[in-house]
Amino acid sequence: MLKIVIDAMGGDNGVEPIIMGVKQALKSKNFQAIVVGDERLIKPHLDSSNNIEIFHCPDYIKMEDSATDSLKRKESSIYQAIEIVRNNQADVVISAGHSGASMSLATLRFGRINGVSRPAICTTMPRIDGKASIILDAGANVDCKVDNLVEFARMGYEYAKSVLGYSNPRVGLLSNGEEDNKGNELTKEVFKRLKEFPYFKGNVEGNDIFNASVDVVVCDGFSGNLVLKASEGVAEAINKILKEEIKKSFLAKIGVIFMFGAFKSLKKRTHYAEYGGAPLLGVSKNIIICHGKSNARAIECAIYQGINAVESKVIDKIASNFIK
């Protein structure tokens, strides 16, 4: 049976939404859950019917701690969770704790795939066609070299093909214009290199992330993280603006009754929780890094994401892509 390790500590909202998400996922999928964290905090949310094993570990890396602290604190929850997978006692790690600690430990303890110089965070974004596009890197590497972005493109292509199921994924390079000569010195050099790949469609702009013109958007982690956070902010702002405007008008309230399904669908397609977390591509084991504010639904979806990554053998396929 597939085994999933869940780091229960360090999330913004405490242990409860983590455990609730695990329990919800177990209703839909058959897997063994190993929850790492403080047993005193976890047990009150479980009962005898839950297929959940507790790995007691009271220490954890707080959000205000340095990511490098995790390398020394071997009894912390994220360190122990990663070690379980490193020792082949489970298949994937899910964590909503300190993302820097998760990335650092996964890189050092799992090791990189041969041929990958830097792992990248691969984030899923909604599209107007109802499918999804991915951005990488979304925050792991703020300063990148040409080789790094070329590697991101190759890993993103394999992820879109293997996990998202796109038969011929299209890859674009994020720039300030679609013309071949647009971009800074880094992206211009990357463009030259990516032209060698048949799946490369050229430069893309921010709006192309959502309009289904490409499936994979490649950028450095600084730009990717800005895009990610800005997109989350826009979605939240639109939701609040709609609610405020509806409250102002009686006719608008009546309209909502008839359009309730459409509003519900819009919220589902644009809310971060529906996309779970972000895999760290380029390391030799599976890890899904979740938002610190993840609710139960986000953890549930992150688990499904982890299962898809394991079952699709995406790590093996990425590794095959880098065999020279």
Protein backbone atom coordinates (compact mmCIF):
# COMPACT_ATOMS: atom_id res chain seq x y z
CA MET A 1 0.00 0.00 0.00
CA LEU A 2 1.20 3.49 -0.82
CA LYS A 3 2.48 5.32 2.27
CA ILE A 4 2.29 9.09 2.73
CA VAL A 5 4.12 11.06 5.42
CA ILE A 6 2.42 14.24 6.58
CA ASP A 7 4.29 16.85 8.61
CA ALA A 8 1.57 18.01 11.01
CA MET A 9 3.58 20.85 12.55
CA GLY A 10 4.40 24.40 11.58
CA GLY A 11 1.30 25.39 9.60
CA ASP A 12 -0.29 28.78 10.29
CA ASN A 13 -3.52 27.20 11.53
CA GLY A 14 -2.08 24.48 13.76
CA VAL A 15 -2.55 20.72 13.66
CA GLU A 16 -6.33 20.46 13.22
CA PRO A 17 -6.70 21.35 9.49
CA ILE A 18 -3.76 19.08 8.66
CA ILE A 19 -5.40 16.08 10.35
CA MET A 20 -8.83 16.92 8.94
CA GLY A 21 -7.35 17.02 5.44
CA VAL A 22 -5.70 13.62 5.93
CA LYS A 23 -8.95 12.09 7.18
CA GLN A 24 -10.86 13.56 4.24
CA ALA A 25 -8.36 12.16 1.73
CA LEU A 26 -8.60 8.70 3.31
CA LYS A 27 -12.30 8.65 2.46
CA SER A 28 -11.45 8.86 -1.24
CA LYS A 29 -8.08 7.15 -1.58
CA ASN A 30 -6.53 4.00 -0.15
CA PHE A 31 -3.18 4.77 1.49
CA GLN A 32 -1.35 4.50 4.79
CA ALA A 33 -0.92 7.89 6.48
CA ILE A 34 2.02 8.54 8.78
CA VAL A 35 1.51 11.80 10.63
CA VAL A 36 4.66 13.30 12.14
CA GLY A 37 4.24 15.69 15.06
CA ASP A 38 3.34 16.14 18.69
CA GLU A 39 1.15 13.18 19.68
CA ARG A 40 -0.61 15.24 22.38
CA LEU A 41 -1.86 17.66 19.72
CA ILE A 42 -2.69 15.05 17.08
CA LYS A 43 -4.53 12.36 19.09
CA PRO A 44 -7.59 14.49 20.04
CA HIS A 45 -8.47 14.72 16.34
CA LEU A 46 -8.34 10.95 15.71
CA ASP A 47 -10.40 7.92 16.59
CA SER A 48 -9.83 4.17 16.31
CA SER A 49 -11.35 3.99 12.82
CA ASN A 50 -8.71 6.23 11.25
CA ASN A 51 -5.99 4.53 9.19
CA ILE A 52 -3.40 6.93 10.58
CA GLU A 53 -0.11 6.16 12.31
CA ILE A 54 1.42 8.80 14.59
CA PHE A 55 5.17 9.34 14.59
CA HIS A 56 5.70 11.32 17.79
CA CYS A 57 7.94 14.34 17.28
CA PRO A 58 7.27 17.44 19.42
CA ASP A 59 9.96 19.71 17.94
CA TYR A 60 9.28 21.65 14.71
CA ILE A 61 10.73 24.51 12.67
CA LYS A 62 8.74 27.67 13.30
CA MET A 63 8.07 30.15 10.49
CA GLU A 64 10.34 32.73 12.10
CA ASP A 65 13.23 30.25 12.33
CA SER A 66 16.00 30.19 9.74
CA ALA A 67 15.84 27.43 7.13
CA THR A 68 19.39 26.46 8.08
CA ASP A 69 18.18 25.61 11.60
CA SER A 70 16.49 22.54 10.17
CA LEU A 71 19.84 21.02 9.23
CA LYS A 72 20.89 20.87 12.89
CA ARG A 73 17.55 20.02 14.47
CA LYS A 74 17.35 16.36 13.54
CA GLU A 75 14.44 15.76 15.91
CA SER A 76 12.22 18.32 14.18
CA SER A 77 9.07 17.08 12.45
CA ILE A 78 10.13 18.00 8.91
CA TYR A 79 13.55 16.39 9.34
CA GLN A 80 12.01 13.17 10.60
CA ALA A 81 9.31 13.19 7.89
CA ILE A 82 11.93 13.51 5.17
CA GLU A 83 14.08 10.80 6.74
CA ILE A 84 11.16 8.35 6.63
CA VAL A 85 10.88 8.82 2.86
CA ARG A 86 14.66 8.92 2.41
CA ASN A 87 14.87 5.50 4.07
CA ASN A 88 12.20 4.15 1.68
CA GLN A 89 9.68 3.66 4.49
CA ALA A 90 7.16 5.86 2.67
CA ASP A 91 6.61 7.29 -0.82
CA VAL A 92 6.00 11.03 -0.45
CA VAL A 93 6.18 13.87 2.09
CA ILE A 94 3.46 16.50 2.49
CA SER A 95 4.27 19.62 4.52
CA ALA A 96 2.61 22.97 5.20
CA GLY A 97 5.40 23.98 7.56
CA HIS A 98 8.49 26.10 6.95
CA SER A 99 8.92 25.95 3.15
CA GLY A 100 12.59 26.95 3.25
CA ALA A 101 13.34 24.14 5.68
CA SER A 102 11.40 21.65 3.54
CA MET A 103 13.29 22.64 0.39
CA SER A 104 16.70 22.66 2.06
CA LEU A 105 16.25 19.30 3.73
CA ALA A 106 14.73 17.66 0.66
CA THR A 107 17.65 18.85 -1.47
CA LEU A 108 20.32 17.75 1.00
CA ARG A 109 18.78 14.55 2.37
CA PHE A 110 17.10 13.24 -0.80
CA GLY A 111 19.76 14.56 -3.13
CA ARG A 112 19.25 15.99 -6.62
CA ILE A 113 18.42 13.99 -9.71
CA ASN A 114 21.61 13.43 -11.69
CA GLY A 115 21.96 16.30 -14.16
CA VAL A 116 19.79 18.77 -12.22
CA SER A 117 21.76 21.64 -10.70
CA ARG A 118 18.86 23.21 -8.80
CA PRO A 119 15.42 21.88 -7.82
CA ALA A 120 12.40 24.06 -8.61
CA ILE A 121 8.99 24.63 -7.04
CA CYS A 122 6.29 23.72 -9.57
CA THR A 123 3.03 25.59 -8.93
CA THR A 124 -0.31 24.90 -10.60
CA MET A 125 -2.38 27.83 -11.93
CA PRO A 126 -6.00 27.93 -13.23
CA ARG A 127 -6.75 28.46 -16.93
CA ILE A 128 -9.77 29.72 -18.81
CA ASP A 129 -10.25 26.33 -20.48
CA GLY A 130 -10.79 24.58 -17.15
CA LYS A 131 -7.40 22.88 -17.20
CA ALA A 132 -4.22 24.04 -15.49
CA SER A 133 -0.83 25.46 -16.36
CA ILE A 134 2.29 25.22 -14.24
CA ILE A 135 4.95 27.76 -13.30
CA LEU A 136 8.47 26.87 -12.33
CA ASP A 137 10.38 28.07 -10.52
CA ALA A 138 7.86 29.61 -8.09
CA GLY A 139 10.28 30.56 -5.33
CA ALA A 140 13.08 28.10 -4.68
CA ASN A 141 15.75 30.02 -6.62
CA VAL A 142 15.62 33.82 -6.72
CA ASP A 143 18.89 34.10 -8.66
CA CYS A 144 19.23 31.79 -11.63
CA LYS A 145 21.65 31.00 -14.41
CA VAL A 146 20.83 30.00 -17.97
CA ASP A 147 21.32 26.29 -17.27
CA ASN A 148 18.86 26.44 -14.37
CA LEU A 149 15.98 27.75 -16.49
CA VAL A 150 16.69 25.25 -19.25
CA GLU A 151 16.48 22.49 -16.63
CA PHE A 152 13.21 23.94 -15.31
CA ALA A 153 11.76 23.73 -18.81
CA ARG A 154 12.75 20.07 -19.17
CA MET A 155 11.36 19.15 -15.74
CA GLY A 156 8.17 21.11 -16.30
CA TYR A 157 7.59 19.39 -19.61
CA GLU A 158 7.88 15.96 -18.00
CA TYR A 159 5.61 16.92 -15.08
CA ALA A 160 2.91 18.28 -17.40
CA LYS A 161 3.09 15.15 -19.51
CA SER A 162 3.29 12.56 -16.73
CA VAL A 163 1.20 14.05 -13.91
CA LEU A 164 -1.19 16.44 -15.68
CA GLY A 165 -1.62 14.07 -18.60
CA TYR A 166 -0.95 16.53 -21.41
CA SER A 167 0.14 14.57 -24.48
CA ASN A 168 2.17 17.40 -26.02
CA PRO A 169 2.89 20.04 -23.36
CA ARG A 170 3.79 23.50 -24.67
CA VAL A 171 6.53 25.40 -22.84
CA GLY A 172 6.87 29.19 -22.73
CA LEU A 173 9.50 31.50 -21.26
CA LEU A 174 8.12 34.31 -19.09
CA SER A 175 9.22 37.69 -20.44
CA ASN A 176 8.04 41.29 -20.86
CA GLY A 177 6.85 40.65 -24.39
CA GLU A 178 6.21 37.83 -26.84
CA GLU A 179 8.74 39.00 -29.44
CA ASP A 180 11.92 36.93 -29.71
CA ASN A 181 14.13 39.90 -28.81
CA LYS A 182 12.28 40.81 -25.60
CA GLY A 183 13.54 40.11 -22.09
CA ASN A 184 16.61 40.74 -19.96
CA GLU A 185 20.06 39.28 -20.59
CA LEU A 186 19.17 36.06 -18.76
CA THR A 187 15.96 35.32 -20.65
CA LYS A 188 17.52 36.21 -24.01
CA GLU A 189 20.21 33.60 -23.47
CA VAL A 190 17.68 31.06 -22.20
CA PHE A 191 15.53 31.71 -25.28
CA LYS A 192 18.45 30.76 -27.55
CA ARG A 193 18.94 27.49 -25.70
CA LEU A 194 15.25 26.54 -25.49
CA LYS A 195 14.81 26.99 -29.25
CA GLU A 196 16.50 23.59 -29.56
CA PHE A 197 13.47 21.87 -27.99
CA PRO A 198 10.42 21.11 -30.18
CA TYR A 199 7.98 21.80 -27.35
CA PHE A 200 9.24 25.38 -26.79
CA LYS A 201 6.73 27.95 -28.04
CA GLY A 202 8.72 31.12 -27.33
CA ASN A 203 8.34 34.05 -24.98
CA VAL A 204 5.07 34.50 -23.10
CA GLU A 205 3.65 37.28 -20.96
CA GLY A 206 1.88 37.08 -17.59
CA ASN A 207 -1.59 36.80 -19.12
CA ASP A 208 -0.53 33.71 -21.06
CA ILE A 209 -0.37 31.78 -17.79
CA PHE A 210 -4.16 31.82 -17.71
CA ASN A 211 -5.27 31.90 -21.37
CA ALA A 212 -4.27 28.30 -22.27
CA SER A 213 -1.72 29.33 -24.91
CA VAL A 214 0.96 27.29 -23.10
CA ASP A 215 1.03 24.56 -20.45
CA VAL A 216 4.38 25.27 -18.77
CA VAL A 217 5.76 28.72 -17.92
CA VAL A 218 9.46 28.94 -17.08
CA CYS A 219 11.00 31.74 -15.03
CA ASP A 220 13.39 32.43 -12.16
CA GLY A 221 12.07 31.96 -8.62
CA PHE A 222 11.93 35.70 -7.93
CA SER A 223 9.57 36.39 -10.84
CA GLY A 224 7.60 33.19 -10.29
CA ASN A 225 6.93 33.92 -6.65
CA LEU A 226 5.78 37.46 -7.47
CA VAL A 227 3.38 36.10 -10.09
CA LEU A 228 2.07 33.48 -7.67
CA LYS A 229 1.45 35.90 -4.79
CA ALA A 230 -0.04 38.56 -7.09
CA SER A 231 -2.42 35.99 -8.59
CA GLU A 232 -3.54 34.83 -5.14
CA GLY A 233 -4.10 38.45 -4.13
CA VAL A 234 -6.16 39.22 -7.23
CA ALA A 235 -8.37 36.15 -6.69
CA GLU A 236 -8.99 37.09 -3.04
CA ALA A 237 -9.65 40.75 -3.95
CA ILE A 238 -12.19 39.83 -6.65
CA ASN A 239 -13.99 37.54 -4.23
CA LYS A 240 -14.23 40.29 -1.59
CA ILE A 241 -15.29 42.94 -4.12
CA LEU A 242 -18.06 40.69 -5.43
CA LYS A 243 -19.35 40.06 -1.91
CA GLU A 244 -19.35 43.78 -1.09
CA GLU A 245 -21.14 44.72 -4.31
CA ILE A 246 -23.76 42.02 -3.82
CA LYS A 247 -24.53 43.35 -0.33
CA LYS A 248 -25.20 46.83 -1.74
CA SER A 249 -27.97 45.81 -4.11
CA PHE A 250 -31.21 43.89 -3.60
CA LEU A 251 -31.28 42.93 -7.27
CA ALA A 252 -27.72 41.66 -7.03
CA LYS A 253 -28.74 39.44 -4.12
CA ILE A 254 -31.58 38.02 -6.20
CA GLY A 255 -29.15 37.46 -9.09
CA VAL A 256 -26.81 35.49 -6.87
CA ILE A 257 -29.56 32.95 -6.24
CA PHE A 258 -29.72 32.19 -9.97
CA MET A 259 -25.95 32.32 -10.44
CA PHE A 260 -24.96 30.51 -7.25
CA GLY A 261 -23.54 27.55 -9.18
CA ALA A 262 -21.41 29.81 -11.38
CA PHE A 263 -20.02 31.74 -8.39
CA LYS A 264 -19.27 28.50 -6.55
CA SER A 265 -17.46 27.12 -9.60
CA LEU A 266 -15.44 30.35 -9.99
CA LYS A 267 -14.32 30.23 -6.37
CA LYS A 268 -13.33 26.58 -6.68
CA ARG A 269 -11.27 27.15 -9.84
CA THR A 270 -9.40 30.15 -8.46
CA HIS A 271 -8.87 29.17 -4.81
CA TYR A 272 -5.37 28.00 -3.89
CA ALA A 273 -6.74 25.13 -1.78
CA GLU A 274 -8.05 23.29 -4.85
CA TYR A 275 -4.51 22.94 -6.18
CA GLY A 276 -3.10 21.51 -2.94
CA GLY A 277 0.58 22.27 -2.89
CA ALA A 278 3.64 22.48 -5.10
CA PRO A 279 6.02 19.61 -5.83
CA LEU A 280 9.73 20.29 -5.55
CA LEU A 281 11.00 18.98 -8.86
CA GLY A 282 14.58 17.92 -9.29
CA VAL A 283 15.09 15.97 -6.05
CA SER A 284 15.21 12.18 -6.02
CA LYS A 285 12.15 11.61 -3.81
CA ASN A 286 8.62 13.03 -3.82
CA ILE A 287 7.76 16.05 -1.68
CA ILE A 288 4.76 18.38 -1.87
CA ILE A 289 5.18 21.80 -0.26
CA CYS A 290 1.91 23.41 0.84
CA HIS A 291 0.96 26.97 1.67
CA GLY A 292 1.46 27.83 5.35
CA LYS A 293 -2.19 28.86 5.64
CA SER A 294 -3.44 25.59 4.12
CA ASN A 295 -6.89 24.51 5.25
CA ALA A 296 -8.15 20.92 5.32
CA ARG A 297 -9.14 21.00 1.64
CA ALA A 298 -5.65 22.15 0.62
CA ILE A 299 -4.02 19.30 2.53
CA GLU A 300 -6.49 16.82 1.05
CA CYS A 301 -5.68 18.01 -2.49
CA ALA A 302 -1.94 18.00 -1.74
CA ILE A 303 -2.23 14.32 -0.80
CA TYR A 304 -3.98 13.58 -4.11
CA GLN A 305 -1.20 15.48 -5.84
CA GLY A 306 1.41 13.39 -4.05
CA ILE A 307 -0.37 10.17 -5.01
CA ASN A 308 -0.45 11.24 -8.67
CA ALA A 309 3.26 12.06 -8.58
CA VAL A 310 4.12 8.63 -7.15
CA GLU A 311 1.81 6.65 -9.43
CA SER A 312 2.97 8.50 -12.56
CA LYS A 313 6.64 7.80 -11.67
CA VAL A 314 7.44 11.40 -12.55
CA ILE A 315 10.82 11.33 -10.79
CA ASP A 316 11.96 8.40 -12.92
CA LYS A 317 10.75 10.14 -16.06
CA ILE A 318 12.52 13.39 -15.19
CA ALA A 319 15.68 11.40 -14.47
CA SER A 320 15.40 9.70 -17.87
CA ASN A 321 15.14 13.10 -19.53
CA PHE A 322 18.52 14.06 -18.08
CA ILE A 323 20.39 10.92 -19.14
CA LYS A 324 22.94 12.00 -21.74
